[in-house]
N, C-alpha and C. Protein backbone atom coordinates (compact mmCIF):
# COMPACT_ATOMS: atom_id res chain seq x y z
N MET A 1 141.91 91.25 114.31
CA MET A 1 142.36 91.47 115.66
C MET A 1 143.92 91.66 115.44
N ARG A 2 144.10 92.92 116.27
CA ARG A 2 145.51 93.53 116.11
C ARG A 2 146.19 93.55 117.41
N ILE A 3 147.21 92.70 117.52
CA ILE A 3 148.01 92.57 118.96
C ILE A 3 149.25 93.50 118.93
N THR A 4 149.33 94.26 120.05
CA THR A 4 150.33 95.35 120.17
C THR A 4 151.09 94.74 121.44
N PHE A 5 152.25 94.52 121.77
CA PHE A 5 153.26 94.09 122.62
C PHE A 5 153.98 95.45 123.32
N VAL A 6 153.51 95.89 124.55
CA VAL A 6 154.05 96.98 124.85
C VAL A 6 155.21 96.59 126.12
N LYS A 7 156.45 96.78 125.77
CA LYS A 7 157.56 96.68 126.87
C LYS A 7 158.30 97.89 127.38
N LYS A 8 158.96 97.98 128.31
CA LYS A 8 159.50 99.07 129.02
C LYS A 8 161.06 98.98 128.81
N ILE A 9 161.46 100.37 129.18
CA ILE A 9 162.89 100.76 129.10
C ILE A 9 162.83 101.26 130.57
N LEU A 10 163.79 100.93 131.40
CA LEU A 10 163.65 101.53 132.78
C LEU A 10 164.45 102.66 132.75
N ALA A 11 164.28 103.69 133.92
CA ALA A 11 164.78 104.89 133.77
C ALA A 11 166.35 104.97 133.67
N ASN A 12 167.07 104.00 134.16
CA ASN A 12 168.46 103.56 133.95
C ASN A 12 168.76 103.51 132.59
N GLY A 13 167.90 103.19 131.73
CA GLY A 13 168.28 102.96 130.09
C GLY A 13 168.34 101.44 130.00
N GLU A 14 168.19 100.58 131.00
CA GLU A 14 168.20 99.29 130.81
C GLU A 14 166.74 98.78 130.32
N PRO A 15 166.89 97.67 129.67
CA PRO A 15 165.78 97.00 129.33
C PRO A 15 165.07 96.46 130.51
N CYS A 16 163.58 96.47 130.43
CA CYS A 16 162.93 95.71 131.62
C CYS A 16 163.18 94.19 131.65
N GLY A 17 163.65 93.72 132.80
CA GLY A 17 163.85 91.98 132.74
C GLY A 17 162.56 91.15 132.41
N LYS A 18 161.56 91.64 132.96
CA LYS A 18 160.43 90.84 132.91
C LYS A 18 159.83 91.03 131.53
N CYS A 19 160.14 92.02 130.67
CA CYS A 19 159.75 92.39 129.47
C CYS A 19 160.63 91.53 128.58
N ALA A 20 161.89 91.49 128.82
CA ALA A 20 162.93 90.58 127.94
C ALA A 20 162.53 89.10 128.10
N ASP A 21 162.12 88.68 129.23
CA ASP A 21 161.76 87.34 129.53
C ASP A 21 160.59 87.00 128.56
N VAL A 22 159.39 87.89 128.63
CA VAL A 22 158.29 87.83 127.88
C VAL A 22 158.42 87.58 126.44
N GLU A 23 159.28 88.55 126.18
CA GLU A 23 159.64 88.53 124.44
C GLU A 23 160.44 87.17 124.09
N SER A 24 161.31 86.76 124.95
CA SER A 24 161.91 85.57 124.62
C SER A 24 160.64 84.44 124.74
N ARG A 25 160.04 84.19 125.64
CA ARG A 25 159.01 83.27 125.54
C ARG A 25 157.98 83.30 124.36
N LEU A 26 157.62 84.57 123.95
CA LEU A 26 156.85 84.68 122.67
C LEU A 26 157.55 84.03 121.35
N GLU A 27 158.81 84.44 121.44
CA GLU A 27 159.58 83.49 120.38
C GLU A 27 159.74 82.30 120.62
N ARG A 28 160.23 81.85 121.63
CA ARG A 28 160.10 80.38 122.10
C ARG A 28 158.89 79.44 121.74
N ASP A 29 157.90 80.05 122.29
CA ASP A 29 156.75 79.52 122.21
C ASP A 29 155.94 79.57 120.54
N GLY A 30 156.62 80.46 119.84
CA GLY A 30 156.16 80.25 118.61
C GLY A 30 154.94 81.43 118.40
N TYR A 31 154.82 82.42 119.01
CA TYR A 31 153.83 83.08 118.91
C TYR A 31 154.40 84.75 118.45
N TRP A 32 155.62 84.79 118.39
CA TRP A 32 156.16 86.22 117.84
C TRP A 32 155.60 86.65 116.75
N ASP A 33 155.50 85.72 115.86
CA ASP A 33 155.02 86.14 114.39
C ASP A 33 153.48 86.62 114.41
N ARG A 34 152.80 86.46 115.41
CA ARG A 34 151.50 87.01 115.45
C ARG A 34 151.21 88.27 116.21
N ILE A 35 152.32 88.63 116.85
CA ILE A 35 152.33 90.10 117.35
C ILE A 35 152.47 91.26 115.99
N ASP A 36 151.41 92.00 116.06
CA ASP A 36 151.40 93.04 115.00
C ASP A 36 152.31 94.06 115.01
N ARG A 37 152.67 94.67 116.34
CA ARG A 37 153.56 95.86 116.55
C ARG A 37 154.04 95.67 118.08
N THR A 38 155.09 96.24 118.24
CA THR A 38 155.85 96.38 119.53
C THR A 38 156.01 97.80 119.75
N VAL A 39 155.64 98.13 121.06
CA VAL A 39 155.67 99.64 121.23
C VAL A 39 156.73 99.55 122.63
N VAL A 40 157.46 100.74 122.75
CA VAL A 40 158.25 100.86 124.03
C VAL A 40 157.79 101.86 124.74
N ALA A 41 157.61 101.64 126.05
CA ALA A 41 157.40 102.69 127.09
C ALA A 41 158.81 102.81 127.91
N ASP A 42 158.92 103.99 127.43
CA ASP A 42 160.36 104.52 128.08
C ASP A 42 160.32 105.18 129.18
N GLU A 43 160.77 104.84 130.45
CA GLU A 43 160.39 105.57 131.75
C GLU A 43 161.12 107.15 131.58
N ARG A 44 162.09 107.19 130.73
CA ARG A 44 162.92 108.33 130.70
C ARG A 44 162.09 109.44 129.76
N ASP A 45 161.17 109.15 129.10
CA ASP A 45 160.43 109.82 128.40
C ASP A 45 158.91 109.76 128.42
N PRO A 46 158.12 110.41 129.19
CA PRO A 46 157.00 110.24 129.50
C PRO A 46 155.90 110.45 128.13
N ALA A 47 156.34 110.98 127.08
CA ALA A 47 155.77 111.32 125.89
C ALA A 47 155.90 110.09 125.03
N SER A 48 156.72 108.98 125.70
CA SER A 48 156.96 107.86 124.63
C SER A 48 155.75 107.15 124.34
N GLU A 49 155.36 106.60 123.05
CA GLU A 49 154.07 105.90 122.78
C GLU A 49 153.58 105.08 123.96
N GLY A 50 154.52 104.05 124.37
CA GLY A 50 154.09 103.14 125.28
C GLY A 50 153.71 103.97 126.77
N MET A 51 154.47 104.97 127.19
CA MET A 51 154.02 105.45 128.31
C MET A 51 152.63 106.29 128.22
N ARG A 52 152.36 106.72 127.14
CA ARG A 52 151.27 107.40 126.75
C ARG A 52 150.00 106.25 126.74
N ILE A 53 150.13 105.32 126.07
CA ILE A 53 149.15 104.18 126.22
C ILE A 53 148.96 103.68 127.63
N ALA A 54 150.16 103.41 128.31
CA ALA A 54 149.92 102.84 129.88
C ALA A 54 149.04 103.85 130.54
N ALA A 55 149.36 104.91 130.40
CA ALA A 55 148.67 106.42 131.11
C ALA A 55 147.08 106.49 130.67
N ASP A 56 147.02 106.41 129.30
CA ASP A 56 145.81 106.48 128.95
C ASP A 56 144.82 105.25 129.33
N LEU A 57 145.33 104.24 129.45
CA LEU A 57 144.76 102.88 130.14
C LEU A 57 144.75 102.65 131.38
N GLY A 58 145.53 103.24 132.18
CA GLY A 58 145.55 103.33 133.55
C GLY A 58 146.46 102.01 134.03
N ILE A 59 147.33 101.73 132.90
CA ILE A 59 148.16 100.36 133.51
C ILE A 59 149.60 100.84 133.95
N SER A 60 149.93 100.34 135.07
CA SER A 60 151.20 100.62 135.65
C SER A 60 152.20 99.36 135.72
N ARG A 61 151.98 98.25 134.98
CA ARG A 61 153.07 97.39 134.87
C ARG A 61 153.43 97.08 133.31
N ALA A 62 154.40 96.46 133.31
CA ALA A 62 154.96 96.23 131.88
C ALA A 62 155.67 94.76 132.01
N PRO A 63 155.52 94.08 131.00
CA PRO A 63 154.94 94.22 129.75
C PRO A 63 153.43 93.98 129.76
N PHE A 64 152.91 94.34 128.73
CA PHE A 64 151.29 94.20 128.64
C PHE A 64 151.06 94.01 127.15
N PHE A 65 150.00 93.43 126.86
CA PHE A 65 149.40 93.11 125.52
C PHE A 65 148.10 94.10 125.42
N LEU A 66 147.90 94.66 124.24
CA LEU A 66 146.56 95.19 123.72
C LEU A 66 146.17 94.30 122.62
N VAL A 67 144.80 94.07 122.70
CA VAL A 67 144.24 92.87 121.61
C VAL A 67 142.99 94.02 121.25
N GLU A 68 143.24 94.26 119.82
CA GLU A 68 142.28 95.35 119.68
C GLU A 68 141.40 94.43 118.63
N GLU A 69 140.04 94.41 118.88
CA GLU A 69 139.05 93.95 117.91
C GLU A 69 138.19 95.11 117.50
N PRO A 70 137.42 94.71 116.34
CA PRO A 70 136.44 95.75 116.06
C PRO A 70 135.57 96.65 117.10
N THR A 71 135.20 95.72 118.08
CA THR A 71 134.17 96.12 119.01
C THR A 71 134.88 96.60 120.41
N LYS A 72 135.90 96.00 120.58
CA LYS A 72 136.48 96.21 121.99
C LYS A 72 137.90 96.03 121.86
N THR A 73 138.40 96.67 122.91
CA THR A 73 140.14 96.49 123.08
C THR A 73 140.54 95.80 124.50
N THR A 74 140.97 94.92 124.51
CA THR A 74 141.27 94.19 126.06
C THR A 74 143.02 94.27 126.12
N VAL A 75 143.23 94.55 127.54
CA VAL A 75 144.64 94.48 128.19
C VAL A 75 144.90 93.35 128.76
N TYR A 76 146.18 92.59 128.54
CA TYR A 76 146.49 91.64 129.37
C TYR A 76 147.98 91.90 129.79
N ASP A 77 147.97 91.80 131.13
CA ASP A 77 149.33 92.06 131.71
C ASP A 77 149.79 90.89 132.35
N ILE A 78 149.50 89.60 131.96
CA ILE A 78 149.94 88.59 132.32
C ILE A 78 150.04 87.60 131.11
N TYR A 79 151.49 87.40 131.05
CA TYR A 79 151.72 86.61 129.88
C TYR A 79 150.79 85.17 129.53
N PHE A 80 150.51 84.19 130.59
CA PHE A 80 150.03 83.14 130.39
C PHE A 80 148.36 83.46 130.28
N LYS A 81 147.93 84.35 130.75
CA LYS A 81 146.43 84.65 130.67
C LYS A 81 146.25 84.98 128.96
N PHE A 82 147.11 85.76 128.54
CA PHE A 82 147.16 86.42 127.12
C PHE A 82 147.02 85.15 126.32
N VAL A 83 148.26 84.29 126.51
CA VAL A 83 148.33 83.01 125.68
C VAL A 83 147.37 82.29 125.73
N ASN A 84 146.60 82.08 126.78
CA ASN A 84 145.47 81.05 126.93
C ASN A 84 144.20 81.55 126.41
N GLU A 85 144.07 82.86 126.53
CA GLU A 85 142.80 83.48 126.04
C GLU A 85 142.86 84.02 124.69
N VAL A 86 144.06 84.29 124.26
CA VAL A 86 144.16 84.60 122.81
C VAL A 86 144.91 84.12 121.72
N MET A 87 146.13 83.44 121.99
CA MET A 87 146.70 82.79 121.27
C MET A 87 146.48 81.27 121.08
N LYS A 88 145.94 80.67 121.99
CA LYS A 88 145.54 79.36 122.18
C LYS A 88 144.29 79.49 121.37
N ALA A 89 143.33 80.09 121.72
CA ALA A 89 141.92 80.35 121.37
C ALA A 89 141.94 80.41 119.88
N GLU A 90 142.80 81.31 119.16
CA GLU A 90 142.88 81.56 117.76
C GLU A 90 143.61 80.22 117.23
N THR A 91 144.52 79.63 117.73
CA THR A 91 145.20 78.33 117.35
C THR A 91 143.98 77.56 117.17
N SER A 92 143.31 77.14 118.18
CA SER A 92 142.23 76.12 118.22
C SER A 92 141.23 76.45 117.21
N ALA A 93 140.95 77.56 116.76
CA ALA A 93 139.93 77.95 115.83
C ALA A 93 140.53 77.43 114.47
N VAL A 94 141.71 77.93 114.22
CA VAL A 94 142.36 77.52 113.07
C VAL A 94 142.48 76.01 112.73
N GLU A 95 142.79 75.28 113.79
CA GLU A 95 142.95 73.76 113.81
C GLU A 95 141.56 73.20 113.58
N SER A 96 140.61 73.68 114.21
CA SER A 96 139.15 73.12 113.89
C SER A 96 138.83 73.38 112.40
N ALA A 97 139.12 74.53 111.87
CA ALA A 97 138.67 74.91 110.56
C ALA A 97 139.63 73.70 109.78
N ARG A 98 140.58 73.50 109.81
CA ARG A 98 141.40 72.53 109.13
C ARG A 98 140.97 71.29 109.18
N ASP A 99 140.42 70.72 110.51
CA ASP A 99 140.15 69.29 110.56
C ASP A 99 138.52 69.51 109.71
N LEU A 100 138.07 70.46 109.78
CA LEU A 100 136.45 70.39 108.91
C LEU A 100 136.76 70.23 107.57
N LEU A 101 137.87 71.01 107.11
CA LEU A 101 138.24 70.91 105.69
C LEU A 101 138.65 69.62 105.43
N HIS A 102 139.51 68.84 106.27
CA HIS A 102 140.16 67.76 105.99
C HIS A 102 139.02 66.72 105.90
N GLN A 103 138.01 66.70 106.84
CA GLN A 103 136.83 65.79 106.72
C GLN A 103 136.00 66.09 105.70
N ASN A 104 135.94 67.16 105.14
CA ASN A 104 134.81 67.51 103.89
C ASN A 104 135.87 67.96 102.75
N PRO A 105 136.30 67.13 101.99
CA PRO A 105 136.96 67.63 101.00
C PRO A 105 136.33 68.16 99.74
N ASP A 106 134.95 68.29 99.84
CA ASP A 106 134.27 69.15 99.03
C ASP A 106 134.08 70.56 99.45
N LEU A 107 134.62 70.95 100.58
CA LEU A 107 134.70 72.29 100.92
C LEU A 107 136.04 72.94 100.77
N ASP A 108 136.18 74.39 100.66
CA ASP A 108 137.30 74.87 100.18
C ASP A 108 137.22 76.25 101.20
N PHE A 109 138.51 76.93 101.39
CA PHE A 109 138.40 78.43 101.97
C PHE A 109 137.80 79.34 100.77
N ILE A 110 137.52 80.22 101.28
CA ILE A 110 136.73 81.40 100.39
C ILE A 110 137.88 82.34 100.41
């Protein structure tokens, strides 16, 4: 799984307030290290990578997350939905694996 965080720079050159808020939440909630890349959608530059991605996907709001898996790409433009469906689900799977290993000392990671 590859996670891309797309944040916006407004036409006046200022960072998007909501984007900054979401970025600080990612850091505060301990998820920042799980973001693989950050892309900027600069309203002053329609050719910026983030603006191209948004146009290609028909996304009109920022910030948003692209979650790329081998068979599909999912877009999340709501932080809490992203956290609940991606971050917490992944954390839960890791915790389950740790519990299984702890309960069965004869098992090991491959």
